[in-house]
Amino acid sequence: MTALFLVRAEVADQRDREAFDRWYQEDHLPRAAEVLSAVRAWRGWSDVGPSIHYAFYELPEADPLPIILDALKGLVAEFDRVWGTRVTRTREIVGLKQLISKVE
């Protein structure tokens, strides 16, 4: 089974949102997807909390933790260099246990 790597970022200052959105779209998401060897990657803003941004990476490994920990070093350093303490984030690795697809 695959696993999902989720990143929740909070862009507290709305003046940073446009620059953060552009940077994530043009630089960070493509780079992170490549570094993580993601099958797919997608992102979006919360409809409930406008300062909350989510990124999702579908990983091919059943046990991705060693890959994630190694790959994160460079990605975290770059994120911190660009955004410092202005954007806080949390990360989760979720092992996919069940998937139901709508059959049409």
Protein backbone atom coordinates (compact mmCIF):
# COMPACT_ATOMS: atom_id res chain seq x y z
CA MET A 1 0.00 0.00 0.00
CA THR A 2 1.06 3.53 -0.52
CA ALA A 3 1.44 6.19 2.13
CA LEU A 4 0.53 9.86 2.22
CA PHE A 5 2.83 12.57 3.47
CA LEU A 6 0.81 15.62 4.57
CA VAL A 7 2.14 19.07 5.33
CA ARG A 8 -0.08 21.66 7.03
CA ALA A 9 1.30 25.19 6.89
CA GLU A 10 -0.14 28.28 8.53
CA VAL A 11 0.55 31.55 6.76
CA ALA A 12 -0.37 33.89 9.60
CA ASP A 13 0.18 37.17 7.75
CA GLN A 14 -2.19 37.38 4.79
CA ARG A 15 0.29 39.70 3.06
CA ASP A 16 2.54 36.61 2.67
CA ARG A 17 -0.17 34.43 1.12
CA GLU A 18 0.31 35.40 -2.54
CA ALA A 19 4.11 35.04 -2.40
CA PHE A 20 3.82 31.76 -0.48
CA ASP A 21 1.28 30.42 -2.98
CA ARG A 22 3.48 31.33 -5.95
CA TRP A 23 6.63 29.91 -4.33
CA TYR A 24 4.90 26.64 -3.39
CA GLN A 25 3.41 26.28 -6.87
CA GLU A 26 6.49 27.13 -8.89
CA ASP A 27 9.29 25.87 -6.67
CA HIS A 28 8.51 23.86 -3.57
CA LEU A 29 5.79 21.41 -4.65
CA PRO A 30 7.61 20.28 -7.82
CA ARG A 31 10.94 20.01 -5.95
CA ALA A 32 9.43 18.15 -2.99
CA ALA A 33 7.55 15.75 -5.29
CA GLU A 34 10.80 14.94 -7.08
CA VAL A 35 12.91 14.58 -3.93
CA LEU A 36 10.28 12.38 -2.26
CA SER A 37 9.79 10.31 -5.43
CA ALA A 38 6.08 11.02 -5.06
CA VAL A 39 3.60 9.23 -7.31
CA ARG A 40 1.41 12.34 -7.15
CA ALA A 41 1.45 15.63 -5.28
CA TRP A 42 -1.28 18.20 -4.81
CA ARG A 43 -2.02 21.16 -2.59
CA GLY A 44 -4.72 23.62 -1.63
CA TRP A 45 -5.95 26.24 0.81
CA SER A 46 -8.48 25.45 3.50
CA ASP A 47 -12.00 26.70 2.83
CA VAL A 48 -12.55 26.93 6.59
CA GLY A 49 -9.30 28.64 7.67
CA PRO A 50 -7.97 30.94 4.92
CA SER A 51 -4.46 30.98 6.42
CA ILE A 52 -4.11 27.16 6.29
CA HIS A 53 -2.37 25.52 3.34
CA TYR A 54 -2.16 21.76 2.81
CA ALA A 55 0.20 19.77 0.62
CA PHE A 56 -0.25 16.06 -0.04
CA TYR A 57 2.33 13.66 -1.45
CA GLU A 58 1.43 10.11 -2.43
CA LEU A 59 4.44 7.92 -1.77
CA PRO A 60 5.03 4.53 -3.36
CA GLU A 61 6.71 2.94 -0.35
CA ALA A 62 4.77 0.93 2.19
CA ASP A 63 7.24 2.09 4.86
CA PRO A 64 8.35 5.56 3.69
CA LEU A 65 9.78 6.85 6.97
CA PRO A 66 13.50 6.40 6.09
CA ILE A 67 12.96 8.05 2.69
CA ILE A 68 11.02 10.94 4.21
CA LEU A 69 13.49 11.64 7.00
CA ASP A 70 16.44 11.71 4.63
CA ALA A 71 14.68 13.80 1.97
CA LEU A 72 13.27 16.28 4.47
CA LYS A 73 16.64 17.64 5.56
CA GLY A 74 17.19 19.70 2.43
CA LEU A 75 13.52 20.60 1.96
CA VAL A 76 13.16 21.82 5.56
CA ALA A 77 16.35 23.88 5.30
CA GLU A 78 15.12 25.55 2.11
CA PHE A 79 11.65 26.20 3.57
CA ASP A 80 13.20 27.75 6.68
CA ARG A 81 15.58 29.85 4.59
CA VAL A 82 12.71 31.33 2.57
CA TRP A 83 10.00 31.65 5.25
CA GLY A 84 11.81 31.57 8.59
CA THR A 85 9.31 31.75 11.44
CA ARG A 86 6.64 33.55 9.37
CA VAL A 87 5.07 30.23 8.32
CA THR A 88 4.63 27.40 10.81
CA ARG A 89 3.98 23.83 9.72
CA THR A 90 3.31 20.31 10.86
CA ARG A 91 3.90 17.05 9.03
CA GLU A 92 2.22 13.65 9.11
CA ILE A 93 2.87 10.32 7.44
CA VAL A 94 -0.29 8.28 6.99
CA GLY A 95 -0.13 4.66 5.90
CA LEU A 96 -3.04 3.97 3.58
CA LYS A 97 -5.00 1.01 4.99
CA GLN A 98 -8.23 1.20 3.02
CA LEU A 99 -9.35 2.88 -0.18
CA ILE A 100 -12.85 2.91 -1.57
CA SER A 101 -13.21 4.25 -5.08
CA LYS A 102 -16.53 5.31 -6.46
CA VAL A 103 -17.52 2.95 -9.25
CA GLU A 104 -19.63 4.47 -11.99
